[in-house]
Protein backbone atom coordinates (compact mmCIF):
# COMPACT_ATOMS: atom_id res chain seq x y z
CA UNK A 1 99.98 126.22 104.15
CA UNK A 2 98.89 123.04 105.86
CA UNK A 3 99.85 119.65 104.48
CA UNK A 4 100.09 116.04 105.47
CA UNK A 5 102.82 113.67 104.37
CA UNK A 6 102.14 110.09 103.49
CA UNK A 7 105.06 108.20 104.92
CA UNK A 8 103.72 106.16 107.54
CA UNK A 9 100.15 107.24 108.31
CA UNK A 10 98.49 109.43 106.22
CA UNK A 11 97.05 114.94 102.91
CA UNK A 12 94.30 115.94 101.20
CA UNK A 13 93.20 113.51 99.03
CA UNK A 14 94.39 110.35 98.30
CA UNK A 15 96.01 107.61 98.70
CA UNK A 16 96.23 105.24 98.02
CA UNK A 17 98.60 104.82 99.55
CA UNK A 18 100.10 103.68 99.45
CA UNK A 19 100.95 106.46 99.94
CA UNK A 20 100.04 103.85 99.23
CA UNK A 21 100.24 104.62 98.95
CA UNK A 22 99.59 101.63 97.19
CA UNK A 23 97.83 101.08 93.94
CA UNK A 24 100.67 102.23 91.66
CA UNK A 25 101.35 105.28 93.82
CA UNK A 26 104.60 105.88 91.94
CA UNK A 27 103.07 105.62 88.49
CA UNK A 28 104.66 102.32 87.57
CA UNK A 29 101.98 101.94 84.90
CA UNK A 30 101.76 104.75 82.33
CA UNK A 31 98.59 106.83 82.30
CA UNK A 32 96.29 106.04 79.41
CA UNK A 33 95.06 109.59 78.89
CA UNK A 34 97.77 111.99 79.93
CA UNK A 35 97.56 114.37 76.96
CA UNK A 36 94.78 116.73 76.08
CA UNK A 37 93.59 117.82 72.66
CA UNK A 38 91.57 120.76 71.47
CA UNK A 39 93.50 123.42 73.41
CA UNK A 40 93.24 124.51 77.01
CA UNK A 41 89.80 126.11 76.61
CA UNK A 42 88.04 123.29 74.73
CA UNK A 43 85.08 122.04 76.79
CA UNK A 44 84.81 118.30 77.28
CA UNK A 45 82.08 116.13 78.83
CA UNK A 46 84.26 116.04 81.96
CA UNK A 47 84.34 119.84 82.07
CA UNK A 48 80.56 119.95 81.81
CA UNK A 49 80.14 117.36 84.58
CA UNK A 50 82.53 119.24 86.90
CA UNK A 51 80.69 122.47 86.18
CA UNK A 52 77.29 120.95 86.94
CA UNK A 53 78.37 119.23 90.17
CA UNK A 54 80.89 121.66 91.65
CA UNK A 55 81.08 125.05 89.96
CA UNK A 56 77.39 125.84 89.60
CA UNK A 57 76.12 124.60 93.00
CA UNK A 58 79.16 125.46 95.13
CA UNK A 59 81.32 127.88 93.12
CA UNK A 60 84.19 125.38 93.19
CA UNK A 61 86.66 125.30 90.30
CA UNK A 62 88.29 121.95 89.50
CA UNK A 63 91.51 122.26 87.49
CA UNK A 64 92.99 119.11 86.01
CA UNK A 65 94.91 120.40 82.99
CA UNK A 66 98.56 120.99 83.84
CA UNK A 67 99.19 124.55 85.01
CA UNK A 68 102.70 125.23 86.30
CA UNK A 69 101.59 128.43 88.01
CA UNK A 70 99.47 126.39 90.42
CA UNK A 71 102.24 123.99 91.49
CA UNK A 72 105.78 123.83 92.86
CA UNK A 73 108.15 124.73 90.03
CA UNK A 74 110.92 122.72 91.68
CA UNK A 75 109.04 119.43 91.65
CA UNK A 76 108.62 116.94 88.83
CA UNK A 77 104.88 116.26 88.68
CA UNK A 78 102.73 114.19 86.33
CA UNK A 79 99.38 115.43 84.91
CA UNK A 80 96.25 113.47 85.84
CA UNK A 81 94.57 110.87 83.69
CA UNK A 82 91.20 112.35 82.72
CA UNK A 83 89.45 109.03 83.27
CA UNK A 84 90.56 109.13 86.91
CA UNK A 85 89.49 112.73 87.54
CA UNK A 86 85.77 111.95 87.57
CA UNK A 87 86.26 108.92 89.83
CA UNK A 88 88.14 111.04 92.34
CA UNK A 89 85.66 113.89 92.30
CA UNK A 90 82.66 111.56 92.59
CA UNK A 91 84.14 110.27 95.83
CA UNK A 92 84.94 113.81 96.98
CA UNK A 93 81.31 114.75 96.49
CA UNK A 94 79.56 111.68 97.90
CA UNK A 95 81.79 111.03 100.93
CA UNK A 96 82.84 114.53 101.86
CA UNK A 97 80.59 117.28 100.45
CA UNK A 98 77.26 115.43 100.62
CA UNK A 99 77.80 114.19 104.19
CA UNK A 100 78.63 117.65 105.51
CA UNK A 101 75.85 119.29 103.47
CA UNK A 102 73.37 116.71 104.77
CA UNK A 103 73.97 117.92 108.33
CA UNK A 104 74.92 121.58 107.91
CA UNK A 105 73.29 122.51 104.59
CA UNK A 106 74.60 123.76 101.27
CA UNK A 107 75.35 127.14 102.80
CA UNK A 108 78.01 125.52 105.01
CA UNK A 109 79.78 124.10 101.95
CA UNK A 110 79.58 127.41 100.11
CA UNK A 111 81.00 129.25 103.12
CA UNK A 112 83.81 126.91 104.16
CA UNK A 113 84.70 124.71 101.23
CA UNK A 114 87.84 125.69 99.29
CA UNK A 115 87.01 127.35 95.99
CA UNK A 116 89.60 125.59 93.88
CA UNK A 117 90.78 122.01 93.48
CA UNK A 118 93.95 121.38 91.49
CA UNK A 119 94.58 117.77 90.46
CA UNK A 120 97.98 116.13 89.93
CA UNK A 121 98.59 112.60 88.69
CA UNK A 122 101.64 111.82 90.81
CA UNK A 123 102.69 112.38 94.42
CA UNK A 124 105.00 115.21 95.43
CA UNK A 125 108.21 113.84 96.94
CA UNK A 126 109.86 115.34 100.01
CA UNK A 127 113.39 115.40 101.39
CA UNK A 128 112.66 113.16 104.37
CA UNK A 129 111.46 110.20 102.34
CA UNK A 130 107.79 111.09 102.67
CA UNK A 131 105.37 112.04 99.92
CA UNK A 132 102.80 114.81 100.00
CA UNK A 133 99.37 113.62 98.93
CA UNK A 134 97.54 116.89 99.25
CA UNK A 135 97.73 120.47 100.46
CA UNK A 136 95.22 123.06 101.61
CA UNK A 137 96.36 126.63 101.09
CA UNK A 138 94.70 129.29 103.20
CA UNK A 139 91.36 127.54 103.03
CA UNK A 140 90.95 128.59 99.41
CA UNK A 141 92.85 126.05 97.33
CA UNK A 142 93.36 122.32 97.60
CA UNK A 143 95.91 120.37 95.57
CA UNK A 144 95.13 116.67 95.17
CA UNK A 145 98.03 114.41 94.23
CA UNK A 146 98.27 110.74 93.21
CA UNK A 147 95.13 110.93 91.09
CA UNK A 148 96.48 108.40 88.57
CA UNK A 149 96.77 105.67 91.18
CA UNK A 150 93.21 105.94 92.46
CA UNK A 151 90.90 102.94 92.14
CA UNK A 152 87.33 103.81 93.08
CA UNK A 153 86.29 100.23 93.85
CA UNK A 154 89.24 99.62 96.17
CA UNK A 155 88.20 100.04 99.79
CA UNK A 156 91.73 100.84 100.92
CA UNK A 157 92.15 103.56 98.27
CA UNK A 158 88.80 105.12 99.14
CA UNK A 159 89.41 105.17 102.89
CA UNK A 160 92.91 106.58 102.44
CA UNK A 161 91.55 109.30 100.19
CA UNK A 162 88.77 110.07 102.65
CA UNK A 163 91.32 110.33 105.44
CA UNK A 164 93.30 112.89 103.50
CA UNK A 165 90.20 114.89 102.54
CA UNK A 166 88.88 115.05 106.08
CA UNK A 167 92.33 115.92 107.44
CA UNK A 168 92.76 118.90 105.16
CA UNK A 169 89.20 120.15 105.58
CA UNK A 170 89.70 120.13 109.34
CA UNK A 171 92.65 122.49 108.83
CA UNK A 172 90.39 124.76 106.78
CA UNK A 173 87.71 124.80 109.48
CA UNK A 174 90.36 125.52 112.13
CA UNK A 175 91.53 128.49 110.09
CA UNK A 176 88.00 129.91 110.13
CA UNK A 177 87.18 129.22 113.78
CA UNK A 178 90.09 128.37 116.07
CA UNK A 179 89.79 125.17 118.08
CA UNK A 180 89.90 125.43 121.91
CA UNK A 181 93.32 126.12 123.39
CA UNK A 182 92.78 123.35 125.96
CA UNK A 183 93.36 120.76 123.22
CA UNK A 184 97.01 121.79 123.13
CA UNK A 185 97.41 120.98 126.81
CA UNK A 186 96.26 117.35 126.66
CA UNK A 187 99.53 116.09 125.12
CA UNK A 188 101.77 119.04 125.92
CA UNK A 189 105.43 118.07 125.88
CA UNK A 190 104.87 114.96 123.74
CA UNK A 191 104.83 116.54 120.30
CA UNK A 192 107.94 115.80 118.23
CA UNK A 193 109.49 116.45 114.85
CA UNK A 194 110.72 112.84 114.89
CA UNK A 195 107.23 111.39 114.49
CA UNK A 196 108.41 109.23 111.58
CA UNK A 197 110.58 107.09 113.85
CA UNK A 198 107.57 106.15 115.98
CA UNK A 199 105.13 103.40 115.03
CA UNK A 200 101.37 103.83 114.96
CA UNK A 201 101.07 101.40 117.86
CA UNK A 202 103.50 103.39 120.00
CA UNK A 203 101.72 106.65 119.15
CA UNK A 204 98.38 105.29 120.33
CA UNK A 205 99.88 104.16 123.61
CA UNK A 206 101.08 107.74 124.07
CA UNK A 207 97.64 109.24 123.40
CA UNK A 208 97.83 110.05 119.69
CA UNK A 209 95.55 108.51 117.10
CA UNK A 210 98.40 108.26 114.54
CA UNK A 211 102.10 108.98 114.62
CA UNK A 212 101.65 112.00 112.31
CA UNK A 213 99.36 113.49 114.97
CA UNK A 214 102.51 113.89 117.10
CA UNK A 215 103.85 116.69 114.86
CA UNK A 216 101.82 119.49 116.50
CA UNK A 217 98.40 120.28 118.01
CA UNK A 218 97.22 121.44 114.56
CA UNK A 219 98.02 118.04 113.07
CA UNK A 220 96.68 116.31 116.17
CA UNK A 221 93.15 117.66 115.72
CA UNK A 222 93.23 117.08 111.95
CA UNK A 223 94.25 113.46 112.47
CA UNK A 224 91.69 112.96 115.24
CA UNK A 225 88.80 114.18 113.12
CA UNK A 226 89.86 112.39 109.94
CA UNK A 227 90.60 109.06 111.62
CA UNK A 228 87.39 109.12 113.68
CA UNK A 229 85.42 109.59 110.45
CA UNK A 230 87.38 106.98 108.48
CA UNK A 231 87.33 104.37 111.24
CA UNK A 232 83.67 104.91 112.06
CA UNK A 233 82.28 104.69 115.58
CA UNK A 234 82.73 100.92 115.86
CA UNK A 235 86.29 100.87 114.57
CA UNK A 236 87.28 103.87 116.67
CA UNK A 237 85.89 102.30 119.84
CA UNK A 238 87.66 99.01 119.11
CA UNK A 239 90.94 100.87 118.71
CA UNK A 240 90.46 102.70 121.99
CA UNK A 241 89.56 99.54 123.86
CA UNK A 242 92.60 97.51 122.95
CA UNK A 243 95.39 99.58 121.37
CA UNK A 244 95.96 102.13 124.12
CA UNK A 245 97.40 102.28 127.62
CA UNK A 246 95.37 103.82 130.44
CA UNK A 247 97.11 107.16 129.93
CA UNK A 248 96.75 106.95 126.14
CA UNK A 249 93.05 106.11 126.43
CA UNK A 250 92.45 109.03 128.79
CA UNK A 251 94.26 111.48 126.51
CA UNK A 252 92.35 110.36 123.41
CA UNK A 253 89.01 110.59 125.22
CA UNK A 254 89.83 114.13 126.39
CA UNK A 255 90.72 115.16 122.83
CA UNK A 256 87.56 113.52 121.51
CA UNK A 257 85.32 115.46 123.92
CA UNK A 258 87.00 118.78 123.14
CA UNK A 259 86.68 118.19 119.40
CA UNK A 260 83.05 117.01 119.54
CA UNK A 261 82.12 120.11 121.58
CA UNK A 262 84.07 122.32 119.17
CA UNK A 263 82.21 121.00 116.12
CA UNK A 264 78.86 121.41 117.86
CA UNK A 265 79.47 124.96 119.11
CA UNK A 266 81.43 126.31 116.14
CA UNK A 267 79.57 124.66 113.25
CA UNK A 268 76.40 123.13 114.74
CA UNK A 269 77.54 119.69 113.56
CA UNK A 270 77.14 116.46 115.51
CA UNK A 271 80.48 114.78 114.83
CA UNK A 272 79.13 111.36 115.82
CA UNK A 273 76.29 111.66 113.29
CA UNK A 274 78.77 112.80 110.67
CA UNK A 275 80.89 109.77 111.57
CA UNK A 276 77.93 107.46 110.87
CA UNK A 277 77.10 109.17 107.57
CA UNK A 278 80.69 109.08 106.31
CA UNK A 279 80.87 105.35 107.05
CA UNK A 280 77.65 104.75 105.13
CA UNK A 281 78.98 106.76 102.18
CA UNK A 282 82.26 104.82 102.13
CA UNK A 283 80.37 101.52 102.23
CA UNK A 284 78.18 102.64 99.32
CA UNK A 285 81.19 103.52 97.15
CA UNK A 286 83.49 100.61 98.08
CA UNK A 287 81.74 97.90 100.09
CA UNK A 288 83.88 96.04 102.59
CA UNK A 289 84.89 92.56 101.50
CA UNK A 290 85.27 91.19 104.99
CA UNK A 291 88.42 90.54 106.99
CA UNK A 292 87.52 92.70 109.95
CA UNK A 293 85.33 92.73 112.98
CA UNK A 294 85.92 89.08 113.77
CA UNK A 295 85.22 87.70 110.30
CA UNK A 296 87.98 85.22 109.44
CA UNK A 297 89.13 85.83 105.83
CA UNK A 298 90.12 83.22 103.28
CA UNK A 299 93.64 81.75 103.67
CA UNK A 300 96.09 84.38 102.49
CA UNK A 301 97.75 82.25 99.82
CA UNK A 302 94.31 81.48 98.36
CA UNK A 303 93.76 85.14 97.51
CA UNK A 304 97.30 86.54 97.16
CA UNK A 305 99.53 85.30 94.35
CA UNK A 306 100.03 85.17 90.61
CA UNK A 307 96.68 85.29 88.73
CA UNK A 308 94.78 85.36 92.04
CA UNK A 309 92.45 87.97 93.47
CA UNK A 310 95.40 90.09 94.59
CA UNK A 311 98.96 90.15 93.27
CA UNK A 312 100.49 92.85 95.47
CA UNK A 313 101.00 93.40 99.19
CA UNK A 314 101.62 97.07 99.95
CA UNK A 315 103.40 98.27 103.08
CA UNK A 316 103.03 101.72 104.61
CA UNK A 317 104.93 102.37 107.81
CA UNK A 318 102.83 105.44 108.51
CA UNK A 319 99.43 103.76 108.53
CA UNK A 320 100.01 100.12 109.38
CA UNK A 321 100.83 98.69 112.83
CA UNK A 322 104.21 97.30 111.85
CA UNK A 323 106.52 95.38 114.16
CA UNK A 324 109.32 97.17 115.99
CA UNK A 325 111.80 95.14 113.92
CA UNK A 326 110.49 96.48 110.62
CA UNK A 327 110.42 100.07 111.91
CA UNK A 328 114.00 99.70 113.16
CA UNK A 329 115.14 98.41 109.77
CA UNK A 330 113.53 101.34 107.99
CA UNK A 331 115.15 103.84 110.36
CA UNK A 332 118.55 102.15 109.90
CA UNK A 333 118.29 102.34 106.11
CA UNK A 334 117.07 105.92 106.14
CA UNK A 335 119.91 106.97 108.46
CA UNK A 336 122.41 105.41 106.04
CA UNK A 337 120.75 107.12 103.09
CA UNK A 338 120.61 110.53 104.78
CA UNK A 339 124.34 110.30 105.43
CA UNK A 340 124.71 109.99 101.64
CA UNK A 341 122.17 112.74 100.82
CA UNK A 342 119.40 110.28 99.98
CA UNK A 343 116.10 109.39 101.62
CA UNK A 344 113.86 106.31 101.53
CA UNK A 345 110.11 106.38 101.29
CA UNK A 346 107.85 104.78 103.90
CA UNK A 347 105.94 102.89 101.25
CA UNK A 348 107.10 99.74 99.50
CA UNK A 349 105.53 96.61 98.05
CA UNK A 350 105.95 92.94 97.22
CA UNK A 351 104.29 91.72 94.01
CA UNK A 352 103.87 88.36 92.31
CA UNK A 353 104.65 88.53 88.60
CA UNK A 354 104.83 84.78 87.99
CA UNK A 355 103.79 81.66 89.86
CA UNK A 356 106.92 81.56 92.00
CA UNK A 357 108.53 84.93 91.30
CA UNK A 358 108.17 87.98 93.52
CA UNK A 359 109.47 91.53 93.22
CA UNK A 360 110.26 93.75 96.20
CA UNK A 361 110.08 97.43 95.23
CA UNK A 362 111.64 100.16 97.38
CA UNK A 363 111.78 103.88 96.58
CA UNK A 364 114.53 106.43 97.28
CA UNK A 365 115.95 109.68 95.89
CA UNK A 366 118.67 112.32 96.23
CA UNK A 367 117.59 115.00 98.71
CA UNK A 368 120.14 117.49 97.31
CA UNK A 369 118.71 117.44 93.80
CA UNK A 370 116.62 120.47 92.89
CA UNK A 371 114.31 118.25 90.85
CA UNK A 372 113.58 115.24 93.02
CA UNK A 373 112.97 112.13 90.99
CA UNK A 374 112.32 108.87 92.80
CA UNK A 375 114.47 105.87 92.01
CA UNK A 376 112.59 102.58 91.95
CA UNK A 377 114.70 99.76 93.33
CA UNK A 378 113.48 96.29 92.31
CA UNK A 379 114.68 93.04 93.87
CA UNK A 380 113.59 89.72 92.34
CA UNK A 381 113.01 86.71 94.60
CA UNK A 382 111.98 83.15 93.94
CA UNK A 383 109.31 82.18 96.46
CA UNK A 384 108.66 78.48 97.01
CA UNK A 385 107.09 76.26 99.64
CA UNK A 386 109.76 73.54 99.86
CA UNK A 387 107.92 71.37 102.38
CA UNK A 388 104.34 72.10 101.31
CA UNK A 389 103.59 73.49 104.75
CA UNK A 390 102.17 76.87 103.79
CA UNK A 391 105.44 78.78 104.04
CA UNK A 392 107.18 80.95 101.46
CA UNK A 393 110.96 80.72 101.27
CA UNK A 394 112.35 83.82 99.53
CA UNK A 395 115.60 83.42 97.57
CA UNK A 396 117.09 86.54 96.02
CA UNK A 397 117.74 86.07 92.31
CA UNK A 398 118.66 89.51 90.98
CA UNK A 399 118.20 93.24 91.29
CA UNK A 400 118.09 96.17 88.89
CA UNK A 401 120.68 98.97 88.69
CA UNK A 402 118.86 101.18 91.20
CA UNK A 403 118.62 98.35 93.69
CA UNK A 404 122.28 97.47 93.21
CA UNK A 405 123.25 101.09 93.85
CA UNK A 406 120.99 101.26 96.93
CA UNK A 407 122.56 98.18 98.52
CA UNK A 408 126.15 98.08 97.30
CA UNK A 409 126.99 101.76 96.89
CA UNK A 410 124.84 103.42 99.51
CA UNK A 411 124.82 100.51 101.97
CA UNK A 412 121.08 100.43 102.68
CA UNK A 413 120.64 96.71 103.30
CA UNK A 414 118.29 96.41 106.29
CA UNK A 415 114.89 96.34 104.57
CA UNK A 416 116.09 94.38 101.57
CA UNK A 417 117.70 91.66 103.70
CA UNK A 418 114.56 91.34 105.81
CA UNK A 419 112.78 89.77 102.84
CA UNK A 420 115.58 87.32 102.02
CA UNK A 421 113.93 85.01 104.52
CA UNK A 422 111.29 82.33 105.09
CA UNK A 423 107.79 83.47 106.04
CA UNK A 424 104.42 82.19 107.12
CA UNK A 425 101.92 84.18 105.00
CA UNK A 426 98.93 84.63 107.28
CA UNK A 427 96.79 87.26 108.96
CA UNK A 428 97.63 89.30 112.02
CA UNK A 429 94.56 89.35 114.25
CA UNK A 430 94.35 92.72 115.93
CA UNK A 431 92.95 93.07 119.42
CA UNK A 432 89.93 94.71 117.79
CA UNK A 433 89.11 91.50 115.92
CA UNK A 434 90.31 92.82 112.57
CA UNK A 435 92.50 90.55 110.44
CA UNK A 436 95.38 92.14 108.47
CA UNK A 437 97.45 90.29 105.84
CA UNK A 438 100.99 89.80 107.04
CA UNK A 439 104.27 87.94 106.57
CA UNK A 440 105.67 86.29 109.71
CA UNK A 441 109.37 85.32 109.67
CA UNK A 442 109.51 81.63 110.62
CA UNK A 443 112.40 82.14 113.03
CA UNK A 444 110.97 85.29 114.65
CA UNK A 445 107.19 85.62 114.13
CA UNK A 446 107.01 88.74 116.28
CA UNK A 447 109.04 90.56 113.60
CA UNK A 448 106.10 90.51 111.16
CA UNK A 449 105.30 92.98 108.41
CA UNK A 450 101.67 93.99 107.87
CA UNK A 451 100.33 95.06 104.49
CA UNK A 452 97.31 95.86 102.37
CA UNK A 453 96.38 93.75 99.35
CA UNK A 454 95.77 95.20 95.89
CA UNK A 455 95.71 94.08 92.27
């Protein structure tokens, strides 16, 4: 079985994140349609639509009703909201199936596409603090998690989902026709099981497109293909031009050439043309609202806040180019938690729930428990601008029982204390010209945290 974790950069199908894994990745808001009526065999309009778009043309079964035999019996999983199932599968079809079929034909999809999709409302939580967003089993079955958090109009959610889809499908293609052995030699000796202690920025300097690509050559090629498609040609070239060292650039170019040749010879697919088509499909589903490619966005506090365009800033240490300080604080907390048989997730968020009130939400759970249930730790801060200079001064007001246990009993204080601080809310301008929303500590701006905005 191949799978990708969503801790800090990216599993077949979703995200959201953030992990985002964002967008209520931990089911903070109850699903509106989690129960089904009429028995397991009653046909619904959704069943008919899935049959017409997947089963009849491609012989693909889409299962969304809860079936314990299809899932891990030792995990606590939530069934999907039916209203979200169609949104997810529309994106699967338009961004993934249609783009491949447009270049390789319907016969390619029928031959290589997995024959079953199983949909789950929640993530699947893992012992190391990561979450699994999707799995591809033997090229025949794909399990899609985090369905309930998906928002079709959210560009971040769509690109995260596309990343996971393309990652897992690359594994399936590799299982059918093995990729060239020379790919394994490009970064030989640099693969590591400790990928989750390395930032995305550091990984790119070492010749990997994400830190998860450092797990193994199999994950390296899956991340290369998926990120090239999600970034698009322009974004990929910008990344190469300014986020790599000479050695890192050379390694990524070597991998790119091997992979492009592999797709052409093995599947008669021009990966660059596929890259263009995937970008066009993403833009059609969730148009970009600016903030990249040199376009200066609106001031952050004009769009982020209570009753503003966005209320939440989501952080994902596996996909965002976080500062070394933030990575170090995560590692410190996770080391403390592991010593107490707990783990902390890579995804967390800060949300406005009143004009001057913010909530920091962290997630952790007991790695020794057979049924792993995440604990949501909430810290309440008052955020004011005392001198009307565009800063936010965070004062801790309270925390819930889980947060109190996390800090006072387990001793995980590094991430929490980071936010008990004064920040400049602004954008981090990447060398590529992209602007990312961020919080810059007034006393140490280089210790920023970079996020993604959502409602």
